[in-house]
Amino acid sequence: MTDYILSDATREKLGKVSTASVATALYKRGLRQQFIQGVRPVQPGKGTMVGQAFTLRYIPAREDRNPITIFRDPEHKQRVAIETCPPGWVLVMDARKDARAATAGSILVTRLALRGAAGLVSDGGLRDVTGIGALDMPAYCAGPSAPTNLTLHEAIEIGGPIACGDAPVFPGDVLLGDNDGVMVIPAHLADEIAEECTGMESFEDFVLEEVTGGAGVIGLYPATKDENLTKYQAWRERNGR
């Protein structure tokens, strides 16, 4: 577990930037595999998800270890993860990109939301997605799936490094989710990425305004012509950006 604690200021900044901007900022630093592949918002339009990663890892279920009665065990790690994910954090589940069975359903996800979690990400399936989509808390998964997790998955470890949709996720990393998907920001980079992307969003708003007005992108995006940099500075002054 990292010692990093996501500050309110960094959370607020990240809440105003896009996964696309974060992907570019991480790429500049040589990090290319931080986008969680294959997950989509259960219900688009929930707003930006920001929070540190609380991890749960599944392995393939072995039939003699995963009868339906296993849920009676008060130490069952899926249930424990729901009850111990800190408020403001994101529960991230590694299901080996296997969405043939659910990794959670609406009852557990509702409990997670009521406990104050910032979101849920699974590279497996979720069941009862209509109920999950009705929650205020954002949730992401690889697709809806009715079968219980026990048919294919065994919850085996809480709080360890995982792979989620081919992205490495370490406990305490910062998750940013929007309608495009979810980015994983290494904890030690979160503050500087938030700062850099705030500036990127400002510049891209300027560029979009210019393009909408008929400008071409060559020399504008990226701004390789001094005249466009001058225009951008004037735009920032006018718009308080």
C-alpha atoms as a PDB file:
ATOM      1  CA  MET A   1       0.000   0.000   0.000  1.00  0.00           C
ATOM      2  CA  THR A   2       1.364   3.406  -0.948  1.00  0.00           C
ATOM      3  CA  ASP A   3       1.739   6.173   1.623  1.00  0.00           C
ATOM      4  CA  TYR A   4       0.251   8.607  -0.882  1.00  0.00           C
ATOM      5  CA  ILE A   5      -3.029  10.234   0.112  1.00  0.00           C
ATOM      6  CA  LEU A   6      -5.090  11.878  -2.625  1.00  0.00           C
ATOM      7  CA  SER A   7      -5.653  15.489  -1.580  1.00  0.00           C
ATOM      8  CA  ASP A   8      -8.923  17.323  -2.061  1.00  0.00           C
ATOM      9  CA  ALA A   9      -7.130  19.769  -4.361  1.00  0.00           C
ATOM     10  CA  THR A  10      -5.795  17.030  -6.654  1.00  0.00           C
ATOM     11  CA  ARG A  11      -9.144  15.208  -6.608  1.00  0.00           C
ATOM     12  CA  GLU A  12     -10.865  18.422  -7.687  1.00  0.00           C
ATOM     13  CA  LYS A  13      -8.378  19.019 -10.504  1.00  0.00           C
ATOM     14  CA  LEU A  14      -8.672  15.462 -11.810  1.00  0.00           C
ATOM     15  CA  GLY A  15     -12.447  15.727 -11.678  1.00  0.00           C
ATOM     16  CA  LYS A  16     -12.245  18.402 -14.362  1.00  0.00           C
ATOM     17  CA  VAL A  17      -9.926  16.602 -16.812  1.00  0.00           C
ATOM     18  CA  SER A  18     -10.448  13.748 -19.254  1.00  0.00           C
ATOM     19  CA  THR A  19      -8.992  10.274 -19.494  1.00  0.00           C
ATOM     20  CA  ALA A  20      -7.678  11.306 -22.923  1.00  0.00           C
ATOM     21  CA  SER A  21      -5.594  14.097 -21.416  1.00  0.00           C
ATOM     22  CA  VAL A  22      -4.284  11.777 -18.712  1.00  0.00           C
ATOM     23  CA  ALA A  23      -3.393   9.130 -21.297  1.00  0.00           C
ATOM     24  CA  THR A  24      -1.331  11.683 -23.224  1.00  0.00           C
ATOM     25  CA  ALA A  25       0.399  12.988 -20.091  1.00  0.00           C
ATOM     26  CA  LEU A  26       1.339   9.456 -19.030  1.00  0.00           C
ATOM     27  CA  TYR A  27       2.523   8.610 -22.547  1.00  0.00           C
ATOM     28  CA  LYS A  28       4.912  11.576 -22.383  1.00  0.00           C
ATOM     29  CA  ARG A  29       6.426   9.851 -19.360  1.00  0.00           C
ATOM     30  CA  GLY A  30       6.766   6.540 -21.197  1.00  0.00           C
ATOM     31  CA  LEU A  31       3.700   4.888 -19.623  1.00  0.00           C
ATOM     32  CA  ARG A  32       1.581   3.255 -22.338  1.00  0.00           C
ATOM     33  CA  GLN A  33      -0.422   0.546 -20.559  1.00  0.00           C
ATOM     34  CA  GLN A  34      -2.420   2.552 -18.016  1.00  0.00           C
ATOM     35  CA  PHE A  35      -5.820   2.403 -19.754  1.00  0.00           C
ATOM     36  CA  ILE A  36      -8.042  -0.394 -18.478  1.00  0.00           C
ATOM     37  CA  GLN A  37      -8.977  -2.261 -21.628  1.00  0.00           C
ATOM     38  CA  GLY A  38     -12.468  -3.561 -22.282  1.00  0.00           C
ATOM     39  CA  VAL A  39     -14.442  -1.817 -19.529  1.00  0.00           C
ATOM     40  CA  ARG A  40     -17.256   0.641 -20.095  1.00  0.00           C
ATOM     41  CA  PRO A  41     -19.491   2.648 -17.770  1.00  0.00           C
ATOM     42  CA  VAL A  42     -22.547   0.703 -16.675  1.00  0.00           C
ATOM     43  CA  GLN A  43     -24.488   3.944 -17.102  1.00  0.00           C
ATOM     44  CA  PRO A  44     -22.770   6.758 -19.040  1.00  0.00           C
ATOM     45  CA  GLY A  45     -23.134  10.305 -17.813  1.00  0.00           C
ATOM     46  CA  LYS A  46     -22.451   9.712 -14.121  1.00  0.00           C
ATOM     47  CA  GLY A  47     -19.708  12.314 -14.070  1.00  0.00           C
ATOM     48  CA  THR A  48     -15.993  11.818 -13.588  1.00  0.00           C
ATOM     49  CA  MET A  49     -14.849   9.091 -11.198  1.00  0.00           C
ATOM     50  CA  VAL A  50     -11.763   9.904  -9.117  1.00  0.00           C
ATOM     51  CA  GLY A  51     -10.366   7.835  -6.266  1.00  0.00           C
ATOM     52  CA  GLN A  52      -7.527   5.672  -5.075  1.00  0.00           C
ATOM     53  CA  ALA A  53      -7.501   1.957  -5.858  1.00  0.00           C
ATOM     54  CA  PHE A  54      -8.659  -0.619  -3.314  1.00  0.00           C
ATOM     55  CA  THR A  55      -7.922  -3.936  -4.986  1.00  0.00           C
ATOM     56  CA  LEU A  56      -9.577  -7.347  -5.072  1.00  0.00           C
ATOM     57  CA  ARG A  57      -8.126 -10.243  -7.058  1.00  0.00           C
ATOM     58  CA  TYR A  58     -10.075 -13.239  -8.377  1.00  0.00           C
ATOM     59  CA  ILE A  59      -8.564 -16.522  -9.544  1.00  0.00           C
ATOM     60  CA  PRO A  60     -10.360 -19.250 -11.520  1.00  0.00           C
ATOM     61  CA  ALA A  61     -12.896 -20.993  -9.297  1.00  0.00           C
ATOM     62  CA  ARG A  62     -12.222 -24.561  -8.264  1.00  0.00           C
ATOM     63  CA  GLU A  63     -15.517 -26.362  -7.814  1.00  0.00           C
ATOM     64  CA  ASP A  64     -14.784 -27.955  -4.430  1.00  0.00           C
ATOM     65  CA  ARG A  65     -13.847 -24.575  -2.955  1.00  0.00           C
ATOM     66  CA  ASN A  66     -16.763 -22.509  -4.241  1.00  0.00           C
ATOM     67  CA  PRO A  67     -20.163 -24.011  -3.381  1.00  0.00           C
ATOM     68  CA  ILE A  68     -22.988 -21.515  -2.880  1.00  0.00           C
ATOM     69  CA  THR A  69     -22.655 -22.032   0.887  1.00  0.00           C
ATOM     70  CA  ILE A  70     -19.262 -20.300   0.851  1.00  0.00           C
ATOM     71  CA  PHE A  71     -21.085 -16.977   1.080  1.00  0.00           C
ATOM     72  CA  ARG A  72     -21.970 -17.917   4.687  1.00  0.00           C
ATOM     73  CA  ASP A  73     -18.310 -17.447   5.576  1.00  0.00           C
ATOM     74  CA  PRO A  74     -17.974 -13.996   7.250  1.00  0.00           C
ATOM     75  CA  GLU A  75     -14.403 -13.824   5.936  1.00  0.00           C
ATOM     76  CA  HIS A  76     -15.377 -14.292   2.283  1.00  0.00           C
ATOM     77  CA  LYS A  77     -13.103 -11.811   0.549  1.00  0.00           C
ATOM     78  CA  GLN A  78     -15.655 -10.436  -1.885  1.00  0.00           C
ATOM     79  CA  ARG A  79     -17.919  -9.444   1.015  1.00  0.00           C
ATOM     80  CA  VAL A  80     -14.995  -8.215   3.124  1.00  0.00           C
ATOM     81  CA  ALA A  81     -13.817  -6.004   0.248  1.00  0.00           C
ATOM     82  CA  ILE A  82     -17.256  -4.400   0.043  1.00  0.00           C
ATOM     83  CA  GLU A  83     -17.230  -3.700   3.780  1.00  0.00           C
ATOM     84  CA  THR A  84     -13.652  -2.418   4.024  1.00  0.00           C
ATOM     85  CA  CYS A  85     -13.130  -0.304   0.893  1.00  0.00           C
ATOM     86  CA  PRO A  86     -12.430   3.161   2.341  1.00  0.00           C
ATOM     87  CA  PRO A  87     -14.840   6.022   1.592  1.00  0.00           C
ATOM     88  CA  GLY A  88     -13.643   8.019  -1.397  1.00  0.00           C
ATOM     89  CA  TRP A  89     -11.707   5.070  -2.843  1.00  0.00           C
ATOM     90  CA  VAL A  90     -12.492   2.912  -5.892  1.00  0.00           C
ATOM     91  CA  LEU A  91     -12.931  -0.859  -5.599  1.00  0.00           C
ATOM     92  CA  VAL A  92     -10.954  -2.349  -8.500  1.00  0.00           C
ATOM     93  CA  MET A  93     -11.445  -6.025  -9.313  1.00  0.00           C
ATOM     94  CA  ASP A  94      -9.200  -8.295 -11.355  1.00  0.00           C
ATOM     95  CA  ALA A  95     -11.323 -11.020 -12.950  1.00  0.00           C
ATOM     96  CA  ARG A  96      -8.810 -11.924 -15.666  1.00  0.00           C
ATOM     97  CA  LYS A  97     -10.994 -10.130 -18.262  1.00  0.00           C
ATOM     98  CA  ASP A  98     -13.546 -12.959 -17.964  1.00  0.00           C
ATOM     99  CA  ALA A  99     -17.061 -11.500 -18.081  1.00  0.00           C
ATOM    100  CA  ARG A 100     -18.872 -14.834 -18.315  1.00  0.00           C
ATOM    101  CA  ALA A 101     -19.753 -14.522 -14.629  1.00  0.00           C
ATOM    102  CA  ALA A 102     -20.472 -11.536 -12.407  1.00  0.00           C
ATOM    103  CA  THR A 103     -17.926 -10.151  -9.976  1.00  0.00           C
ATOM    104  CA  ALA A 104     -20.653  -8.370  -7.975  1.00  0.00           C
ATOM    105  CA  GLY A 105     -24.336  -7.495  -8.168  1.00  0.00           C
ATOM    106  CA  SER A 106     -26.610  -4.607  -7.282  1.00  0.00           C
ATOM    107  CA  ILE A 107     -26.968  -5.452  -3.576  1.00  0.00           C
ATOM    108  CA  LEU A 108     -23.234  -5.465  -2.930  1.00  0.00           C
ATOM    109  CA  VAL A 109     -22.608  -2.465  -5.171  1.00  0.00           C
ATOM    110  CA  THR A 110     -25.402  -0.534  -3.444  1.00  0.00           C
ATOM    111  CA  ARG A 111     -23.759  -1.267  -0.108  1.00  0.00           C
ATOM    112  CA  LEU A 112     -20.431  -0.082  -1.523  1.00  0.00           C
ATOM    113  CA  ALA A 113     -22.027   3.149  -2.730  1.00  0.00           C
ATOM    114  CA  LEU A 114     -23.767   3.782   0.594  1.00  0.00           C
ATOM    115  CA  ARG A 115     -20.441   3.348   2.375  1.00  0.00           C
ATOM    116  CA  GLY A 116     -19.113   6.284   0.344  1.00  0.00           C
ATOM    117  CA  ALA A 117     -16.922   4.613  -2.263  1.00  0.00           C
ATOM    118  CA  ALA A 118     -15.975   6.759  -5.249  1.00  0.00           C
ATOM    119  CA  GLY A 119     -16.633   3.978  -7.760  1.00  0.00           C
ATOM    120  CA  LEU A 120     -16.254   0.382  -8.887  1.00  0.00           C
ATOM    121  CA  VAL A 121     -14.180  -1.050 -11.731  1.00  0.00           C
ATOM    122  CA  SER A 122     -14.190  -4.693 -12.830  1.00  0.00           C
ATOM    123  CA  ASP A 123     -12.716  -6.285 -15.935  1.00  0.00           C
ATOM    124  CA  GLY A 124     -15.301  -9.046 -15.453  1.00  0.00           C
ATOM    125  CA  GLY A 125     -19.070  -8.951 -15.466  1.00  0.00           C
ATOM    126  CA  LEU A 126     -21.640  -7.339 -13.193  1.00  0.00           C
ATOM    127  CA  ARG A 127     -25.151  -8.627 -12.564  1.00  0.00           C
ATOM    128  CA  ASP A 128     -28.314  -6.580 -11.996  1.00  0.00           C
ATOM    129  CA  VAL A 129     -26.854  -3.763 -14.057  1.00  0.00           C
ATOM    130  CA  THR A 130     -30.125  -1.809 -14.144  1.00  0.00           C
ATOM    131  CA  GLY A 131     -29.935  -1.390 -10.388  1.00  0.00           C
ATOM    132  CA  ILE A 132     -26.231  -0.564 -10.487  1.00  0.00           C
ATOM    133  CA  GLY A 133     -26.809   1.977 -13.238  1.00  0.00           C
ATOM    134  CA  ALA A 134     -29.416   3.737 -11.093  1.00  0.00           C
ATOM    135  CA  LEU A 135     -26.892   4.457  -8.341  1.00  0.00           C
ATOM    136  CA  ASP A 136     -25.143   7.828  -8.121  1.00  0.00           C
ATOM    137  CA  MET A 137     -21.781   6.054  -7.836  1.00  0.00           C
ATOM    138  CA  PRO A 138     -20.043   5.356 -11.171  1.00  0.00           C
ATOM    139  CA  ALA A 139     -19.381   1.706 -12.031  1.00  0.00           C
ATOM    140  CA  TYR A 140     -17.428   0.174 -14.906  1.00  0.00           C
ATOM    141  CA  CYS A 141     -17.318  -3.414 -16.130  1.00  0.00           C
ATOM    142  CA  ALA A 142     -16.703  -5.571 -19.192  1.00  0.00           C
ATOM    143  CA  GLY A 143     -20.414  -6.312 -19.582  1.00  0.00           C
ATOM    144  CA  PRO A 144     -23.564  -7.564 -17.877  1.00  0.00           C
ATOM    145  CA  SER A 145     -23.505 -11.169 -16.691  1.00  0.00           C
ATOM    146  CA  ALA A 146     -26.167 -13.083 -14.758  1.00  0.00           C
ATOM    147  CA  PRO A 147     -24.170 -16.067 -13.344  1.00  0.00           C
ATOM    148  CA  THR A 148     -22.832 -15.666  -9.817  1.00  0.00           C
ATOM    149  CA  ASN A 149     -19.107 -15.115  -9.448  1.00  0.00           C
ATOM    150  CA  LEU A 150     -18.703 -18.545  -7.827  1.00  0.00           C
ATOM    151  CA  THR A 151     -19.259 -20.283 -11.153  1.00  0.00           C
ATOM    152  CA  LEU A 152     -15.952 -18.948 -12.523  1.00  0.00           C
ATOM    153  CA  HIS A 153     -14.212 -16.767  -9.937  1.00  0.00           C
ATOM    154  CA  GLU A 154     -12.806 -17.149  -6.448  1.00  0.00           C
ATOM    155  CA  ALA A 155     -12.070 -13.944  -4.539  1.00  0.00           C
ATOM    156  CA  ILE A 156      -8.588 -14.683  -3.242  1.00  0.00           C
ATOM    157  CA  GLU A 157      -6.739 -11.508  -2.214  1.00  0.00           C
ATOM    158  CA  ILE A 158      -7.506  -7.988  -1.009  1.00  0.00           C
ATOM    159  CA  GLY A 159      -4.969  -5.194  -1.151  1.00  0.00           C
ATOM    160  CA  GLY A 160      -2.365  -6.627  -3.505  1.00  0.00           C
ATOM    161  CA  PRO A 161      -1.146  -5.553  -6.953  1.00  0.00           C
ATOM    162  CA  ILE A 162      -3.514  -6.685  -9.694  1.00  0.00           C
ATOM    163  CA  ALA A 163      -4.037  -6.553 -13.433  1.00  0.00           C
ATOM    164  CA  CYS A 164      -7.346  -5.027 -14.481  1.00  0.00           C
ATOM    165  CA  GLY A 165      -8.034  -5.013 -18.201  1.00  0.00           C
ATOM    166  CA  ASP A 166      -4.293  -5.499 -18.853  1.00  0.00           C
ATOM    167  CA  ALA A 167      -3.386  -2.416 -16.805  1.00  0.00           C
ATOM    168  CA  PRO A 168      -1.183  -2.796 -13.726  1.00  0.00           C
ATOM    169  CA  VAL A 169      -2.963  -1.480 -10.640  1.00  0.00           C
ATOM    170  CA  PHE A 170      -1.156  -1.046  -7.326  1.00  0.00           C
ATOM    171  CA  PRO A 171      -3.106  -0.307  -4.151  1.00  0.00           C
ATOM    172  CA  GLY A 172      -3.368   3.450  -3.753  1.00  0.00           C
ATOM    173  CA  ASP A 173      -2.946   4.286  -7.435  1.00  0.00           C
ATOM    174  CA  VAL A 174      -5.404   6.909  -8.620  1.00  0.00           C
ATOM    175  CA  LEU A 175      -8.278   5.895 -10.901  1.00  0.00           C
ATOM    176  CA  LEU A 176      -9.855   8.392 -13.276  1.00  0.00           C
ATOM    177  CA  GLY A 177     -12.992   7.325 -15.133  1.00  0.00           C
ATOM    178  CA  ASP A 178     -15.215   9.057 -17.666  1.00  0.00           C
ATOM    179  CA  ASN A 179     -17.383   7.996 -20.597  1.00  0.00           C
ATOM    180  CA  ASP A 180     -14.276   6.841 -22.517  1.00  0.00           C
ATOM    181  CA  GLY A 181     -13.188   4.406 -19.801  1.00  0.00           C
ATOM    182  CA  VAL A 182     -10.721   4.303 -16.921  1.00  0.00           C
ATOM    183  CA  MET A 183      -7.093   5.402 -16.571  1.00  0.00           C
ATOM    184  CA  VAL A 184      -4.746   4.261 -13.808  1.00  0.00           C
ATOM    185  CA  ILE A 185      -2.400   6.999 -12.571  1.00  0.00           C
ATOM    186  CA  PRO A 186       0.588   5.787 -10.539  1.00  0.00           C
ATOM    187  CA  ALA A 187       0.221   7.336  -7.090  1.00  0.00           C
ATOM    188  CA  HIS A 188       3.558   9.144  -7.165  1.00  0.00           C
ATOM    189  CA  LEU A 189       2.564  10.949 -10.370  1.00  0.00           C
ATOM    190  CA  ALA A 190      -1.001  11.905  -9.467  1.00  0.00           C
ATOM    191  CA  ASP A 191      -0.361  15.479  -8.310  1.00  0.00           C
ATOM    192  CA  GLU A 192       1.804  16.470 -11.277  1.00  0.00           C
ATOM    193  CA  ILE A 193      -0.513  14.743 -13.778  1.00  0.00           C
ATOM    194  CA  ALA A 194      -3.470  16.654 -12.336  1.00  0.00           C
ATOM    195  CA  GLU A 195      -1.611  19.941 -12.677  1.00  0.00           C
ATOM    196  CA  GLU A 196      -0.386  19.254 -16.200  1.00  0.00           C
ATOM    197  CA  CYS A 197      -3.748  18.034 -17.458  1.00  0.00           C
ATOM    198  CA  THR A 198      -5.512  21.086 -16.089  1.00  0.00           C
ATOM    199  CA  GLY A 199      -3.391  23.138 -18.493  1.00  0.00           C
ATOM    200  CA  MET A 200      -3.948  20.653 -21.311  1.00  0.00           C
ATOM    201  CA  GLU A 201      -7.716  20.909 -20.933  1.00  0.00           C
ATOM    202  CA  SER A 202      -7.502  24.687 -21.126  1.00  0.00           C
ATOM    203  CA  PHE A 203      -5.457  24.553 -24.327  1.00  0.00           C
ATOM    204  CA  GLU A 204      -7.721  21.972 -25.946  1.00  0.00           C
ATOM    205  CA  ASP A 205     -10.798  24.076 -25.169  1.00  0.00           C
ATOM    206  CA  PHE A 206      -9.076  26.938 -27.022  1.00  0.00           C
ATOM    207  CA  VAL A 207      -8.171  24.659 -29.950  1.00  0.00           C
ATOM    208  CA  LEU A 208     -11.714  23.312 -30.228  1.00  0.00           C
ATOM    209  CA  GLU A 209     -13.069  26.839 -30.299  1.00  0.00           C
ATOM    210  CA  GLU A 210     -10.613  27.721 -33.078  1.00  0.00           C
ATOM    211  CA  VAL A 211     -11.445  24.584 -35.095  1.00  0.00           C
ATOM    212  CA  THR A 212     -15.183  25.175 -34.680  1.00  0.00           C
ATOM    213  CA  GLY A 213     -14.572  28.633 -36.074  1.00  0.00           C
ATOM    214  CA  GLY A 214     -12.934  27.178 -39.177  1.00  0.00           C
ATOM    215  CA  ALA A 215      -9.231  27.029 -38.293  1.00  0.00           C
ATOM    216  CA  GLY A 216      -7.050  24.208 -39.608  1.00  0.00           C
ATOM    217  CA  VAL A 217      -5.143  21.963 -37.207  1.00  0.00           C
ATOM    218  CA  ILE A 218      -1.674  22.230 -38.789  1.00  0.00           C
ATOM    219  CA  GLY A 219       0.353  24.620 -36.681  1.00  0.00           C
ATOM    220  CA  LEU A 220      -2.490  24.830 -34.172  1.00  0.00           C
ATOM    221  CA  TYR A 221      -2.588  21.341 -32.681  1.00  0.00           C
ATOM    222  CA  PRO A 222       0.152  21.112 -31.604  1.00  0.00           C
ATOM    223  CA  ALA A 223       0.787  24.844 -31.534  1.00  0.00           C
ATOM    224  CA  THR A 224       3.936  25.062 -33.616  1.00  0.00           C
ATOM    225  CA  LYS A 225       3.134  28.544 -34.930  1.00  0.00           C
ATOM    226  CA  ASP A 226       3.881  31.471 -32.632  1.00  0.00           C
ATOM    227  CA  GLU A 227       0.716  33.242 -33.747  1.00  0.00           C
ATOM    228  CA  ASN A 228      -1.388  30.482 -32.243  1.00  0.00           C
ATOM    229  CA  LEU A 229       0.461  30.665 -28.932  1.00  0.00           C
ATOM    230  CA  THR A 230      -0.206  34.393 -28.901  1.00  0.00           C
ATOM    231  CA  LYS A 231      -3.890  33.755 -29.608  1.00  0.00           C
ATOM    232  CA  TYR A 232      -3.997  31.193 -26.808  1.00  0.00           C
ATOM    233  CA  GLN A 233      -2.536  33.594 -24.253  1.00  0.00           C
ATOM    234  CA  ALA A 234      -5.105  36.220 -25.228  1.00  0.00           C
ATOM    235  CA  TRP A 235      -7.865  33.572 -24.987  1.00  0.00           C
ATOM    236  CA  ARG A 236      -6.714  32.624 -21.487  1.00  0.00           C
ATOM    237  CA  GLU A 237      -6.826  36.227 -20.353  1.00  0.00           C
ATOM    238  CA  ARG A 238     -10.318  36.704 -21.752  1.00  0.00           C
ATOM    239  CA  ASN A 239     -11.615  33.509 -20.183  1.00  0.00           C
ATOM    240  CA  GLY A 240      -9.727  33.532 -16.904  1.00  0.00           C
ATOM    241  CA  ARG A 241      -8.038  30.202 -17.746  1.00  0.00           C
END
